[in-house]
Amino acid sequence: MEDRGKMIEQLLKLPPMERASIAELLLKSLDDADPMLDAIWAEEVENRIDAYDQGNISSLSASEFFEKPTN
């Protein structure tokens, strides 16, 4: 357990992008990817980007989003 603590301590000292990359790899290791689901989400993302680029949908800043009341 002491080794694990040291490893975590060292990992936390890495630059944010490196930590994010490692986090992504760890999360991916938790479950098997479903290629069909990945393809569906990739298409949805592309559709949303296209809709935004065409002016069909708008965006909110993080502060605007968190200020909105939820129902």
Protein backbone atom coordinates (compact mmCIF):
# COMPACT_ATOMS: atom_id res chain seq x y z
CA MET A 1 0.00 0.00 0.00
CA GLU A 2 2.87 2.38 0.67
CA ASP A 3 4.08 1.91 -2.92
CA ARG A 4 0.63 2.77 -4.21
CA GLY A 5 0.59 5.95 -2.15
CA LYS A 6 3.99 6.96 -3.52
CA MET A 7 2.86 6.23 -7.05
CA ILE A 8 -0.26 8.36 -6.62
CA GLU A 9 1.82 11.15 -5.13
CA GLN A 10 4.14 11.07 -8.15
CA LEU A 11 1.23 10.97 -10.59
CA LEU A 12 -0.35 14.01 -8.98
CA LYS A 13 2.84 15.96 -9.65
CA LEU A 14 2.50 15.43 -13.42
CA PRO A 15 1.27 18.26 -15.63
CA PRO A 16 -2.53 18.36 -16.05
CA MET A 17 -2.53 17.04 -19.62
CA GLU A 18 -0.45 14.03 -18.66
CA ARG A 19 -2.74 13.32 -15.70
CA ALA A 20 -5.77 13.62 -17.98
CA SER A 21 -4.23 11.18 -20.44
CA ILE A 22 -3.55 8.66 -17.68
CA ALA A 23 -7.05 9.15 -16.27
CA GLU A 24 -8.53 8.48 -19.69
CA LEU A 25 -6.53 5.28 -20.05
CA LEU A 26 -7.62 4.11 -16.60
CA LEU A 27 -11.27 4.84 -17.30
CA LYS A 28 -11.12 3.02 -20.61
CA SER A 29 -9.69 0.00 -18.83
CA LEU A 30 -12.79 -0.31 -16.63
CA ASP A 31 -15.14 -1.47 -19.35
CA ASP A 32 -14.99 -2.79 -22.85
CA ALA A 33 -15.86 -0.32 -25.55
CA ASP A 34 -18.93 -0.97 -27.62
CA PRO A 35 -17.98 0.01 -31.18
CA MET A 36 -21.63 0.47 -32.15
CA LEU A 37 -22.29 2.79 -29.20
CA ASP A 38 -19.08 4.69 -29.91
CA ALA A 39 -20.18 5.18 -33.52
CA ILE A 40 -23.61 6.42 -32.44
CA TRP A 41 -22.04 8.96 -30.05
CA ALA A 42 -19.51 10.07 -32.65
CA GLU A 43 -22.35 10.73 -35.10
CA GLU A 44 -24.30 12.64 -32.42
CA VAL A 45 -21.27 14.79 -31.65
CA GLU A 46 -20.77 15.58 -35.32
CA ASN A 47 -24.46 16.45 -35.71
CA ARG A 48 -24.31 18.81 -32.74
CA ILE A 49 -21.16 20.49 -34.02
CA ASP A 50 -22.75 20.93 -37.46
CA ALA A 51 -25.92 22.36 -35.90
CA TYR A 52 -23.87 24.81 -33.84
CA ASP A 53 -21.75 25.83 -36.84
CA GLN A 54 -24.92 26.43 -38.88
CA GLY A 55 -26.45 28.55 -36.12
CA ASN A 56 -29.25 26.09 -35.41
CA ILE A 57 -28.28 25.74 -31.75
CA SER A 58 -26.50 28.05 -29.35
CA SER A 59 -24.14 27.47 -26.48
CA LEU A 60 -23.85 28.65 -22.91
CA SER A 61 -20.78 29.52 -20.93
CA ALA A 62 -20.17 27.42 -17.84
CA SER A 63 -21.27 30.28 -15.60
CA GLU A 64 -24.51 30.72 -17.58
CA PHE A 65 -25.19 27.00 -17.39
CA PHE A 66 -24.70 26.79 -13.65
CA GLU A 67 -26.80 29.93 -13.04
CA LYS A 68 -29.84 28.42 -14.74
CA PRO A 69 -32.38 26.90 -12.37
CA THR A 70 -33.15 23.25 -12.88
CA ASN A 71 -36.68 21.90 -12.87
